[in-house]
Amino acid sequence: MRKLILFGAATTMLLAGTVAWTTASHPAIEHSVGTAQIDPLSMMANAKDLPSQESLNLRIWPNNVVAVTDIVSGTEVR
């Protein structure tokens, strides 16, 4: 009997939460789904003077540069 009461309470709470979630009418929730104000494609196309990955690696880890082996030639590249 106790399991049946707990199951009924859990089902009621689940149903109440689902109804509250689907019928939310708060203005902040309604207006949060808008159009994007930032255009990432134009930002990437117009980016200038960005550092390369190699220079960032040297700036972040100056004494811990790992030698990378070129797959095609098999030579060590720094």
N, C-alpha and C. Protein backbone atom coordinates (compact mmCIF):
# COMPACT_ATOMS: atom_id res chain seq x y z
N MET A 1 0.83 -1.19 0.00
CA MET A 1 0.00 0.00 0.00
C MET A 1 0.87 1.25 0.00
N ARG A 2 2.00 1.21 0.75
CA ARG A 2 2.88 2.36 0.83
C ARG A 2 3.51 2.65 -0.52
N LYS A 3 3.88 1.59 -1.26
CA LYS A 3 4.49 1.77 -2.58
C LYS A 3 3.49 2.38 -3.55
N LEU A 4 2.24 2.00 -3.44
CA LEU A 4 1.20 2.54 -4.31
C LEU A 4 0.99 4.03 -4.04
N ILE A 5 1.02 4.44 -2.79
CA ILE A 5 0.86 5.85 -2.45
C ILE A 5 2.05 6.65 -2.95
N LEU A 6 3.26 6.13 -2.77
CA LEU A 6 4.45 6.83 -3.26
C LEU A 6 4.46 6.92 -4.79
N PHE A 7 4.03 5.87 -5.45
CA PHE A 7 3.95 5.90 -6.91
C PHE A 7 2.93 6.93 -7.38
N GLY A 8 1.80 7.01 -6.70
CA GLY A 8 0.78 8.00 -7.05
C GLY A 8 1.28 9.42 -6.82
N ALA A 9 1.99 9.64 -5.71
CA ALA A 9 2.52 10.97 -5.43
C ALA A 9 3.58 11.37 -6.46
N ALA A 10 4.44 10.44 -6.82
CA ALA A 10 5.48 10.73 -7.82
C ALA A 10 4.86 11.02 -9.18
N THR A 11 3.85 10.28 -9.54
CA THR A 11 3.18 10.51 -10.82
C THR A 11 2.49 11.87 -10.83
N THR A 12 1.85 12.23 -9.73
CA THR A 12 1.17 13.52 -9.64
C THR A 12 2.18 14.66 -9.73
N MET A 13 3.30 14.53 -9.06
CA MET A 13 4.31 15.58 -9.11
C MET A 13 4.92 15.70 -10.50
N LEU A 14 5.13 14.58 -11.15
CA LEU A 14 5.66 14.58 -12.50
C LEU A 14 4.69 15.25 -13.47
N LEU A 15 3.44 14.95 -13.34
CA LEU A 15 2.42 15.55 -14.21
C LEU A 15 2.31 17.05 -13.94
N ALA A 16 2.33 17.45 -12.67
CA ALA A 16 2.23 18.87 -12.33
C ALA A 16 3.44 19.63 -12.86
N GLY A 17 4.64 19.06 -12.77
CA GLY A 17 5.83 19.72 -13.30
C GLY A 17 5.80 19.85 -14.81
N THR A 18 5.31 18.83 -15.48
CA THR A 18 5.22 18.88 -16.94
C THR A 18 4.22 19.94 -17.39
N VAL A 19 3.10 20.03 -16.71
CA VAL A 19 2.09 21.03 -17.06
C VAL A 19 2.63 22.43 -16.80
N ALA A 20 3.30 22.64 -15.68
CA ALA A 20 3.86 23.95 -15.37
C ALA A 20 4.94 24.34 -16.36
N TRP A 21 5.72 23.39 -16.81
CA TRP A 21 6.79 23.68 -17.77
C TRP A 21 6.23 24.03 -19.15
N THR A 22 5.20 23.33 -19.58
CA THR A 22 4.67 23.57 -20.92
C THR A 22 3.78 24.79 -21.00
N THR A 23 3.21 25.23 -19.89
CA THR A 23 2.31 26.38 -19.93
C THR A 23 2.96 27.62 -19.33
N ALA A 24 4.28 27.69 -19.30
CA ALA A 24 4.96 28.86 -18.74
C ALA A 24 4.67 30.07 -19.61
N SER A 25 4.23 31.16 -18.97
CA SER A 25 3.89 32.36 -19.74
C SER A 25 4.59 33.59 -19.20
N HIS A 26 5.70 33.41 -18.54
CA HIS A 26 6.45 34.54 -18.02
C HIS A 26 7.08 35.29 -19.19
N PRO A 27 7.04 36.64 -19.19
CA PRO A 27 7.58 37.40 -20.32
C PRO A 27 9.06 37.13 -20.60
N ALA A 28 9.85 36.88 -19.56
CA ALA A 28 11.27 36.62 -19.79
C ALA A 28 11.46 35.32 -20.56
N ILE A 29 10.60 34.36 -20.32
CA ILE A 29 10.70 33.09 -21.02
C ILE A 29 10.23 33.25 -22.46
N GLU A 30 9.18 34.03 -22.66
CA GLU A 30 8.65 34.21 -24.01
C GLU A 30 9.61 35.00 -24.90
N HIS A 31 10.31 35.98 -24.33
CA HIS A 31 11.18 36.82 -25.14
C HIS A 31 12.60 36.29 -25.26
N SER A 32 12.94 35.25 -24.54
CA SER A 32 14.29 34.73 -24.62
C SER A 32 14.55 33.99 -25.93
N VAL A 33 13.51 33.53 -26.58
CA VAL A 33 13.66 32.81 -27.85
C VAL A 33 13.48 33.83 -28.97
N GLY A 34 14.56 34.54 -29.27
CA GLY A 34 14.52 35.55 -30.32
C GLY A 34 15.56 35.25 -31.37
N THR A 35 15.73 36.19 -32.27
CA THR A 35 16.73 36.01 -33.31
C THR A 35 18.10 36.35 -32.75
N ALA A 36 19.12 35.76 -33.30
CA ALA A 36 20.48 36.00 -32.85
C ALA A 36 20.91 37.39 -33.28
N GLN A 37 21.53 38.12 -32.36
CA GLN A 37 21.99 39.48 -32.65
C GLN A 37 23.42 39.49 -33.15
N ILE A 38 24.14 38.40 -32.99
CA ILE A 38 25.54 38.33 -33.39
C ILE A 38 25.65 37.41 -34.60
N ASP A 39 26.34 37.87 -35.63
CA ASP A 39 26.54 37.07 -36.83
C ASP A 39 27.95 36.50 -36.82
N PRO A 40 28.12 35.24 -36.40
CA PRO A 40 29.46 34.68 -36.29
C PRO A 40 30.17 34.54 -37.63
N LEU A 41 29.43 34.35 -38.71
CA LEU A 41 30.08 34.20 -40.01
C LEU A 41 30.78 35.48 -40.42
N SER A 42 30.13 36.62 -40.23
CA SER A 42 30.78 37.88 -40.59
C SER A 42 31.94 38.19 -39.65
N MET A 43 31.83 37.78 -38.39
CA MET A 43 32.94 38.00 -37.46
C MET A 43 34.17 37.21 -37.89
N MET A 44 33.98 35.97 -38.33
CA MET A 44 35.11 35.17 -38.78
C MET A 44 35.66 35.68 -40.10
N ALA A 45 34.80 36.16 -40.98
CA ALA A 45 35.26 36.64 -42.28
C ALA A 45 36.03 37.94 -42.16
N ASN A 46 35.68 38.78 -41.19
CA ASN A 46 36.31 40.08 -41.05
C ASN A 46 37.43 40.11 -40.00
N ALA A 47 37.81 38.98 -39.46
CA ALA A 47 38.86 38.94 -38.43
C ALA A 47 40.21 39.24 -39.06
N LYS A 48 40.99 40.10 -38.38
CA LYS A 48 42.31 40.50 -38.90
C LYS A 48 43.34 40.42 -37.79
N ASP A 49 44.57 40.17 -38.16
CA ASP A 49 45.72 40.17 -37.26
C ASP A 49 45.57 39.19 -36.10
N LEU A 50 45.06 38.02 -36.39
CA LEU A 50 44.95 37.01 -35.35
C LEU A 50 46.24 36.19 -35.29
N PRO A 51 46.69 35.81 -34.10
CA PRO A 51 47.93 35.03 -34.01
C PRO A 51 47.71 33.60 -34.48
N SER A 52 48.78 32.98 -34.94
CA SER A 52 48.69 31.59 -35.37
C SER A 52 48.71 30.67 -34.15
N GLN A 53 48.35 29.44 -34.33
CA GLN A 53 48.34 28.49 -33.22
C GLN A 53 49.75 28.24 -32.71
N GLU A 54 50.74 28.24 -33.61
CA GLU A 54 52.11 28.00 -33.19
C GLU A 54 52.61 29.13 -32.29
N SER A 55 52.31 30.37 -32.63
CA SER A 55 52.77 31.48 -31.80
C SER A 55 52.06 31.48 -30.45
N LEU A 56 50.80 31.08 -30.43
CA LEU A 56 50.10 30.97 -29.15
C LEU A 56 50.70 29.87 -28.29
N ASN A 57 51.06 28.74 -28.90
CA ASN A 57 51.70 27.67 -28.14
C ASN A 57 53.02 28.12 -27.55
N LEU A 58 53.82 28.85 -28.31
CA LEU A 58 55.10 29.33 -27.80
C LEU A 58 54.91 30.37 -26.71
N ARG A 59 53.85 31.18 -26.81
CA ARG A 59 53.60 32.19 -25.80
C ARG A 59 53.09 31.58 -24.50
N ILE A 60 52.28 30.54 -24.61
CA ILE A 60 51.70 29.91 -23.42
C ILE A 60 52.70 28.98 -22.75
N TRP A 61 53.39 28.15 -23.54
CA TRP A 61 54.35 27.18 -23.01
C TRP A 61 55.72 27.42 -23.65
N PRO A 62 56.45 28.44 -23.24
CA PRO A 62 57.71 28.76 -23.94
C PRO A 62 58.81 27.71 -23.73
N ASN A 63 58.83 27.05 -22.59
CA ASN A 63 59.90 26.09 -22.31
C ASN A 63 59.46 24.65 -22.52
N ASN A 64 58.24 24.44 -22.90
CA ASN A 64 57.71 23.08 -23.02
C ASN A 64 57.18 22.84 -24.42
N VAL A 65 57.98 23.17 -25.43
CA VAL A 65 57.56 22.98 -26.81
C VAL A 65 57.76 21.51 -27.18
N VAL A 66 56.72 20.89 -27.65
CA VAL A 66 56.76 19.49 -28.01
C VAL A 66 57.07 19.39 -29.50
N ALA A 67 58.01 18.56 -29.85
CA ALA A 67 58.35 18.36 -31.25
C ALA A 67 57.29 17.50 -31.91
N VAL A 68 56.83 17.92 -33.06
CA VAL A 68 55.80 17.20 -33.80
C VAL A 68 56.45 16.58 -35.03
N THR A 69 56.14 15.33 -35.30
CA THR A 69 56.70 14.64 -36.46
C THR A 69 55.73 14.75 -37.62
N ASP A 70 56.24 15.20 -38.76
CA ASP A 70 55.42 15.32 -39.96
C ASP A 70 55.09 13.91 -40.46
N ILE A 71 53.82 13.66 -40.72
CA ILE A 71 53.39 12.31 -41.11
C ILE A 71 53.92 11.95 -42.50
N VAL A 72 53.92 12.90 -43.42
CA VAL A 72 54.29 12.60 -44.79
C VAL A 72 55.79 12.34 -44.91
N SER A 73 56.61 13.28 -44.41
CA SER A 73 58.05 13.14 -44.61
C SER A 73 58.75 12.41 -43.49
N GLY A 74 58.14 12.34 -42.31
CA GLY A 74 58.75 11.66 -41.17
C GLY A 74 59.79 12.51 -40.48
N THR A 75 59.88 13.79 -40.81
CA THR A 75 60.85 14.66 -40.18
C THR A 75 60.23 15.36 -38.97
N GLU A 76 61.11 15.80 -38.09
CA GLU A 76 60.64 16.46 -36.88
C GLU A 76 60.42 17.95 -37.18
N VAL A 77 59.26 18.45 -36.81
CA VAL A 77 58.89 19.84 -37.07
C VAL A 77 58.71 20.52 -35.73
N ARG A 78 59.25 21.70 -35.59
CA ARG A 78 59.08 22.48 -34.34
C ARG A 78 58.14 23.59 -34.56
